[in-house]
Amino acid sequence: QVQLAESGGGLVQPGGSLRLSCAGFGIILDYNDIGWFRQAPGKEREGISCSSSAGTTYYADSVKGRFTVSRDNAKNTVYLQMNSLKPEDTAVYYCATDCDYSSSNYDPPPGFGSWGQGTRVTVSS
């Protein structure tokens, strides 16, 4: 059974940094396209990155230049390094398999995608 587990969320001041982790169980993340998504209170889910198994990462304009995705294959983990955080980055962050980097929101195609439970990030002074 495929499971993803996010961690690393918390409270951070504006301008600060956090690194989120997405660990894979029952799946080798290196062989998969992995996306990061977030959902702020009262808002639609937003796809913020999609990393192809070939090694290319696509970012939403809202996070480009501030967020960076990396992989540690030995740990079967994908990271989301978030710098220069803003209050509008406050959301629950999720990772998912099968992101579609050709779609506007990076959502997995219907019937595809395994999701983690999410980790909450709060950016506030």
N, C-alpha and C. Protein backbone atom coordinates (compact mmCIF):
# COMPACT_ATOMS: atom_id res chain seq x y z
N GLN A 1 0.84 -1.19 0.00
CA GLN A 1 0.00 0.00 0.00
C GLN A 1 0.88 1.25 0.00
N VAL A 2 0.58 2.15 -0.91
CA VAL A 2 1.37 3.37 -1.04
C VAL A 2 0.92 4.36 0.04
N GLN A 3 1.91 4.89 0.74
CA GLN A 3 1.62 5.94 1.71
C GLN A 3 2.66 7.04 1.59
N LEU A 4 2.20 8.27 1.73
CA LEU A 4 3.09 9.42 1.81
C LEU A 4 2.88 10.09 3.15
N ALA A 5 3.95 10.59 3.72
CA ALA A 5 3.86 11.24 5.03
C ALA A 5 4.63 12.54 5.00
N GLU A 6 3.90 13.64 5.16
CA GLU A 6 4.54 14.96 5.22
C GLU A 6 4.90 15.29 6.67
N SER A 7 5.93 16.07 6.82
CA SER A 7 6.33 16.57 8.14
C SER A 7 7.10 17.86 7.95
N GLY A 8 7.33 18.55 9.06
CA GLY A 8 8.14 19.75 9.02
C GLY A 8 7.39 21.05 9.12
N GLY A 9 6.08 20.99 9.15
CA GLY A 9 5.32 22.22 9.27
C GLY A 9 5.45 22.85 10.64
N GLY A 10 4.93 24.05 10.76
CA GLY A 10 4.99 24.75 12.04
C GLY A 10 4.71 26.21 11.87
N LEU A 11 5.02 26.95 12.91
CA LEU A 11 4.83 28.40 12.93
C LEU A 11 6.16 29.08 12.64
N VAL A 12 6.15 30.01 11.71
CA VAL A 12 7.36 30.72 11.34
C VAL A 12 7.02 32.18 11.11
N GLN A 13 7.96 33.05 11.38
CA GLN A 13 7.73 34.48 11.15
C GLN A 13 7.88 34.82 9.67
N PRO A 14 7.23 35.87 9.24
CA PRO A 14 7.44 36.32 7.85
C PRO A 14 8.92 36.53 7.57
N GLY A 15 9.34 36.09 6.38
CA GLY A 15 10.74 36.16 6.00
C GLY A 15 11.54 34.95 6.42
N GLY A 16 10.96 34.10 7.21
CA GLY A 16 11.65 32.90 7.68
C GLY A 16 11.62 31.76 6.69
N SER A 17 12.15 30.62 7.14
CA SER A 17 12.26 29.45 6.28
C SER A 17 11.77 28.20 7.01
N LEU A 18 11.32 27.26 6.22
CA LEU A 18 10.95 25.94 6.71
C LEU A 18 11.31 24.93 5.63
N ARG A 19 11.57 23.72 6.05
CA ARG A 19 11.75 22.63 5.09
C ARG A 19 10.75 21.53 5.40
N LEU A 20 9.93 21.25 4.43
CA LEU A 20 8.95 20.17 4.57
C LEU A 20 9.52 18.90 3.96
N SER A 21 9.12 17.78 4.53
CA SER A 21 9.54 16.48 4.03
C SER A 21 8.33 15.67 3.59
N CYS A 22 8.53 14.88 2.58
CA CYS A 22 7.51 13.95 2.09
C CYS A 22 8.19 12.59 1.98
N ALA A 23 7.90 11.71 2.91
CA ALA A 23 8.50 10.38 2.92
C ALA A 23 7.55 9.38 2.26
N GLY A 24 8.13 8.49 1.49
CA GLY A 24 7.33 7.50 0.80
C GLY A 24 7.45 6.13 1.43
N PHE A 25 6.31 5.42 1.49
CA PHE A 25 6.26 4.07 2.02
C PHE A 25 5.49 3.21 1.01
N GLY A 26 6.08 2.08 0.64
CA GLY A 26 5.45 1.23 -0.35
C GLY A 26 5.59 1.75 -1.75
N ILE A 27 6.47 2.69 -1.95
CA ILE A 27 6.68 3.32 -3.25
C ILE A 27 8.09 3.90 -3.30
N ILE A 28 8.70 3.85 -4.44
CA ILE A 28 10.01 4.47 -4.62
C ILE A 28 9.77 5.83 -5.27
N LEU A 29 9.95 6.87 -4.48
CA LEU A 29 9.62 8.21 -4.97
C LEU A 29 10.46 8.62 -6.16
N ASP A 30 11.68 8.11 -6.24
CA ASP A 30 12.57 8.50 -7.33
C ASP A 30 11.99 8.13 -8.69
N TYR A 31 11.11 7.15 -8.72
CA TYR A 31 10.55 6.69 -9.99
C TYR A 31 9.24 7.40 -10.33
N ASN A 32 8.87 8.35 -9.50
CA ASN A 32 7.56 8.97 -9.64
C ASN A 32 7.64 10.49 -9.77
N ASP A 33 6.64 11.05 -10.43
CA ASP A 33 6.44 12.49 -10.43
C ASP A 33 5.77 12.87 -9.11
N ILE A 34 6.40 13.79 -8.38
CA ILE A 34 5.91 14.16 -7.06
C ILE A 34 5.55 15.64 -7.03
N GLY A 35 4.34 15.90 -6.58
CA GLY A 35 3.88 17.28 -6.49
C GLY A 35 3.71 17.73 -5.06
N TRP A 36 3.86 19.03 -4.88
CA TRP A 36 3.50 19.68 -3.62
C TRP A 36 2.30 20.57 -3.87
N PHE A 37 1.37 20.52 -2.95
CA PHE A 37 0.14 21.29 -3.05
C PHE A 37 -0.12 21.95 -1.70
N ARG A 38 -0.94 22.95 -1.72
CA ARG A 38 -1.32 23.57 -0.47
C ARG A 38 -2.76 24.03 -0.54
N GLN A 39 -3.36 24.09 0.61
CA GLN A 39 -4.73 24.60 0.69
C GLN A 39 -4.84 25.51 1.90
N ALA A 40 -5.10 26.75 1.60
CA ALA A 40 -5.31 27.75 2.65
C ALA A 40 -6.77 27.74 3.08
N PRO A 41 -7.04 28.19 4.29
CA PRO A 41 -8.43 28.21 4.77
C PRO A 41 -9.34 28.97 3.82
N GLY A 42 -10.41 28.34 3.43
CA GLY A 42 -11.39 28.99 2.58
C GLY A 42 -11.00 29.14 1.13
N LYS A 43 -9.90 28.51 0.74
CA LYS A 43 -9.43 28.65 -0.64
C LYS A 43 -9.32 27.28 -1.31
N GLU A 44 -9.26 27.32 -2.63
CA GLU A 44 -9.07 26.09 -3.40
C GLU A 44 -7.64 25.58 -3.21
N ARG A 45 -7.49 24.29 -3.41
CA ARG A 45 -6.16 23.71 -3.38
C ARG A 45 -5.32 24.27 -4.52
N GLU A 46 -4.07 24.56 -4.22
CA GLU A 46 -3.15 25.14 -5.20
C GLU A 46 -1.96 24.20 -5.39
N GLY A 47 -1.69 23.89 -6.62
CA GLY A 47 -0.49 23.13 -6.92
C GLY A 47 0.70 24.08 -6.97
N ILE A 48 1.74 23.81 -6.21
CA ILE A 48 2.86 24.74 -6.15
C ILE A 48 4.12 24.18 -6.81
N SER A 49 4.22 22.89 -6.97
CA SER A 49 5.37 22.34 -7.67
C SER A 49 5.05 20.94 -8.17
N CYS A 50 5.77 20.57 -9.20
CA CYS A 50 5.66 19.20 -9.73
C CYS A 50 7.06 18.82 -10.19
N SER A 51 7.59 17.76 -9.60
CA SER A 51 8.94 17.30 -9.93
C SER A 51 8.83 16.00 -10.71
N SER A 52 9.33 16.03 -11.92
CA SER A 52 9.26 14.83 -12.73
C SER A 52 10.33 13.84 -12.29
N SER A 53 10.09 12.58 -12.57
CA SER A 53 11.08 11.54 -12.27
C SER A 53 12.34 11.74 -13.09
N ALA A 54 12.22 12.50 -14.18
CA ALA A 54 13.39 12.77 -15.02
C ALA A 54 14.28 13.86 -14.44
N GLY A 55 13.77 14.55 -13.39
CA GLY A 55 14.64 15.50 -12.72
C GLY A 55 14.31 16.96 -12.92
N THR A 56 13.24 17.26 -13.64
CA THR A 56 12.83 18.65 -13.84
C THR A 56 11.73 19.00 -12.85
N THR A 57 11.84 20.18 -12.29
CA THR A 57 10.81 20.65 -11.36
C THR A 57 10.17 21.92 -11.90
N TYR A 58 8.86 21.94 -11.83
CA TYR A 58 8.07 23.08 -12.26
C TYR A 58 7.46 23.74 -11.03
N TYR A 59 7.42 25.06 -11.05
CA TYR A 59 6.92 25.79 -9.90
C TYR A 59 5.80 26.74 -10.31
N ALA A 60 4.87 26.91 -9.39
CA ALA A 60 3.87 27.94 -9.59
C ALA A 60 4.52 29.31 -9.43
N ASP A 61 3.96 30.30 -10.11
CA ASP A 61 4.51 31.65 -10.04
C ASP A 61 4.52 32.17 -8.61
N SER A 62 3.57 31.74 -7.81
CA SER A 62 3.44 32.25 -6.45
C SER A 62 4.62 31.86 -5.56
N VAL A 63 5.35 30.82 -5.95
CA VAL A 63 6.46 30.36 -5.10
C VAL A 63 7.80 30.35 -5.83
N LYS A 64 7.78 30.62 -7.11
CA LYS A 64 9.00 30.55 -7.91
C LYS A 64 10.05 31.50 -7.34
N GLY A 65 11.26 30.99 -7.19
CA GLY A 65 12.34 31.81 -6.65
C GLY A 65 12.44 31.77 -5.14
N ARG A 66 11.41 31.26 -4.47
CA ARG A 66 11.43 31.19 -3.01
C ARG A 66 11.42 29.74 -2.52
N PHE A 67 10.77 28.87 -3.25
CA PHE A 67 10.66 27.46 -2.85
C PHE A 67 11.51 26.60 -3.78
N THR A 68 12.09 25.55 -3.20
CA THR A 68 12.92 24.64 -3.98
C THR A 68 12.64 23.20 -3.55
N VAL A 69 12.47 22.35 -4.54
CA VAL A 69 12.23 20.93 -4.28
C VAL A 69 13.52 20.17 -4.49
N SER A 70 13.77 19.22 -3.61
CA SER A 70 14.92 18.33 -3.77
C SER A 70 14.52 16.92 -3.36
N ARG A 71 15.35 15.98 -3.72
CA ARG A 71 15.07 14.59 -3.39
C ARG A 71 16.29 13.98 -2.71
N ASP A 72 16.02 13.12 -1.75
CA ASP A 72 17.07 12.28 -1.16
C ASP A 72 16.63 10.84 -1.39
N ASN A 73 17.18 10.24 -2.41
CA ASN A 73 16.72 8.90 -2.80
C ASN A 73 17.08 7.87 -1.75
N ALA A 74 18.19 8.06 -1.06
CA ALA A 74 18.58 7.11 -0.01
C ALA A 74 17.54 7.08 1.11
N LYS A 75 16.90 8.22 1.34
CA LYS A 75 15.88 8.29 2.39
C LYS A 75 14.47 8.17 1.82
N ASN A 76 14.39 8.02 0.50
CA ASN A 76 13.09 7.94 -0.16
C ASN A 76 12.19 9.11 0.26
N THR A 77 12.76 10.29 0.19
CA THR A 77 12.08 11.49 0.68
C THR A 77 12.26 12.63 -0.32
N VAL A 78 11.21 13.40 -0.46
CA VAL A 78 11.23 14.63 -1.25
C VAL A 78 11.06 15.80 -0.30
N TYR A 79 11.84 16.83 -0.50
CA TYR A 79 11.82 18.00 0.38
C TYR A 79 11.28 19.22 -0.36
N LEU A 80 10.66 20.08 0.40
CA LEU A 80 10.25 21.38 -0.10
C LEU A 80 10.88 22.43 0.82
N GLN A 81 11.93 23.06 0.31
CA GLN A 81 12.58 24.14 1.05
C GLN A 81 11.85 25.43 0.76
N MET A 82 11.36 26.07 1.80
CA MET A 82 10.57 27.29 1.65
C MET A 82 11.31 28.44 2.31
N ASN A 83 11.68 29.41 1.52
CA ASN A 83 12.38 30.60 2.02
C ASN A 83 11.53 31.83 1.81
N SER A 84 11.91 32.89 2.48
CA SER A 84 11.21 34.18 2.34
C SER A 84 9.71 34.01 2.49
N LEU A 85 9.32 33.30 3.51
CA LEU A 85 7.91 32.99 3.68
C LEU A 85 7.08 34.23 3.96
N LYS A 86 5.86 34.20 3.45
CA LYS A 86 4.92 35.30 3.58
C LYS A 86 3.67 34.81 4.29
N PRO A 87 2.93 35.71 4.89
CA PRO A 87 1.68 35.28 5.53
C PRO A 87 0.75 34.54 4.57
N GLU A 88 0.77 34.90 3.31
CA GLU A 88 -0.09 34.22 2.34
C GLU A 88 0.37 32.81 2.00
N ASP A 89 1.51 32.40 2.52
CA ASP A 89 1.94 31.01 2.37
C ASP A 89 1.31 30.10 3.43
N THR A 90 0.59 30.69 4.36
CA THR A 90 -0.09 29.91 5.39
C THR A 90 -1.09 28.96 4.76
N ALA A 91 -0.94 27.67 5.05
CA ALA A 91 -1.80 26.65 4.43
C ALA A 91 -1.43 25.29 5.01
N VAL A 92 -2.23 24.32 4.67
CA VAL A 92 -1.85 22.92 4.87
C VAL A 92 -1.18 22.45 3.58
N TYR A 93 0.00 21.88 3.72
CA TYR A 93 0.79 21.47 2.58
C TYR A 93 0.73 19.95 2.44
N TYR A 94 0.53 19.51 1.20
CA TYR A 94 0.41 18.10 0.89
C TYR A 94 1.40 17.72 -0.21
N CYS A 95 1.88 16.50 -0.17
CA CYS A 95 2.59 15.95 -1.31
C CYS A 95 1.72 14.86 -1.93
N ALA A 96 1.96 14.61 -3.20
CA ALA A 96 1.16 13.61 -3.91
C ALA A 96 1.98 13.04 -5.05
N THR A 97 1.69 11.81 -5.39
CA THR A 97 2.33 11.20 -6.56
C THR A 97 1.55 11.55 -7.82
N ASP A 98 2.18 11.30 -8.94
CA ASP A 98 1.52 11.42 -10.25
C ASP A 98 1.09 12.83 -10.59
N CYS A 99 1.79 13.84 -10.07
CA CYS A 99 1.44 15.19 -10.48
C CYS A 99 1.61 15.32 -12.00
N ASP A 100 0.81 16.18 -12.57
CA ASP A 100 0.82 16.38 -14.01
C ASP A 100 1.38 17.76 -14.30
N TYR A 101 2.63 17.81 -14.70
CA TYR A 101 3.25 19.13 -14.89
C TYR A 101 2.74 19.84 -16.15
N SER A 102 1.94 19.16 -16.95
CA SER A 102 1.36 19.83 -18.11
C SER A 102 0.02 20.49 -17.78
N SER A 103 -0.50 20.24 -16.60
CA SER A 103 -1.77 20.85 -16.23
C SER A 103 -1.51 22.13 -15.45
N SER A 104 -2.50 23.00 -15.41
CA SER A 104 -2.30 24.32 -14.81
C SER A 104 -2.10 24.25 -13.31
N ASN A 105 -2.66 23.24 -12.66
CA ASN A 105 -2.58 23.14 -11.21
C ASN A 105 -1.77 21.93 -10.76
N TYR A 106 -1.16 21.23 -11.69
CA TYR A 106 -0.32 20.06 -11.40
C TYR A 106 -1.10 18.90 -10.79
N ASP A 107 -2.41 18.96 -10.82
CA ASP A 107 -3.20 17.88 -10.22
C ASP A 107 -2.94 16.55 -10.92
N PRO A 108 -2.91 15.45 -10.15
CA PRO A 108 -2.84 14.13 -10.79
C PRO A 108 -4.06 13.90 -11.68
N PRO A 109 -3.92 13.13 -12.72
CA PRO A 109 -5.09 12.81 -13.56
C PRO A 109 -6.14 12.09 -12.71
N PRO A 110 -7.39 12.18 -13.13
CA PRO A 110 -8.45 11.48 -12.39
C PRO A 110 -8.13 10.00 -12.21
N GLY A 111 -8.30 9.52 -11.00
CA GLY A 111 -8.03 8.11 -10.71
C GLY A 111 -6.59 7.82 -10.35
N PHE A 112 -5.75 8.84 -10.39
CA PHE A 112 -4.35 8.66 -10.06
C PHE A 112 -3.98 9.51 -8.85
N GLY A 113 -2.84 9.26 -8.30
CA GLY A 113 -2.33 10.09 -7.22
C GLY A 113 -2.58 9.51 -5.84
N SER A 114 -1.53 9.41 -5.08
CA SER A 114 -1.63 9.08 -3.66
C SER A 114 -1.21 10.32 -2.88
N TRP A 115 -1.95 10.60 -1.83
CA TRP A 115 -1.75 11.85 -1.09
C TRP A 115 -1.34 11.57 0.35
N GLY A 116 -0.52 12.47 0.89
CA GLY A 116 -0.24 12.43 2.30
C GLY A 116 -1.34 13.10 3.10
N GLN A 117 -1.14 13.12 4.39
CA GLN A 117 -2.18 13.67 5.29
C GLN A 117 -2.04 15.18 5.46
N GLY A 118 -0.93 15.72 5.02
CA GLY A 118 -0.72 17.16 5.11
C GLY A 118 0.03 17.60 6.35
N THR A 119 0.68 18.73 6.24
CA THR A 119 1.34 19.35 7.37
C THR A 119 1.05 20.85 7.33
N ARG A 120 0.74 21.40 8.49
CA ARG A 120 0.28 22.79 8.53
C ARG A 120 1.45 23.75 8.67
N VAL A 121 1.41 24.78 7.87
CA VAL A 121 2.40 25.86 7.92
C VAL A 121 1.66 27.16 8.23
N THR A 122 2.12 27.84 9.24
CA THR A 122 1.55 29.14 9.61
C THR A 122 2.66 30.18 9.60
N VAL A 123 2.45 31.20 8.81
CA VAL A 123 3.42 32.29 8.71
C VAL A 123 2.80 33.52 9.36
N SER A 124 3.34 33.87 10.51
CA SER A 124 2.74 34.97 11.26
C SER A 124 3.76 35.52 12.24
N SER A 125 3.63 36.81 12.49
CA SER A 125 4.48 37.42 13.50
C SER A 125 3.78 37.43 14.85
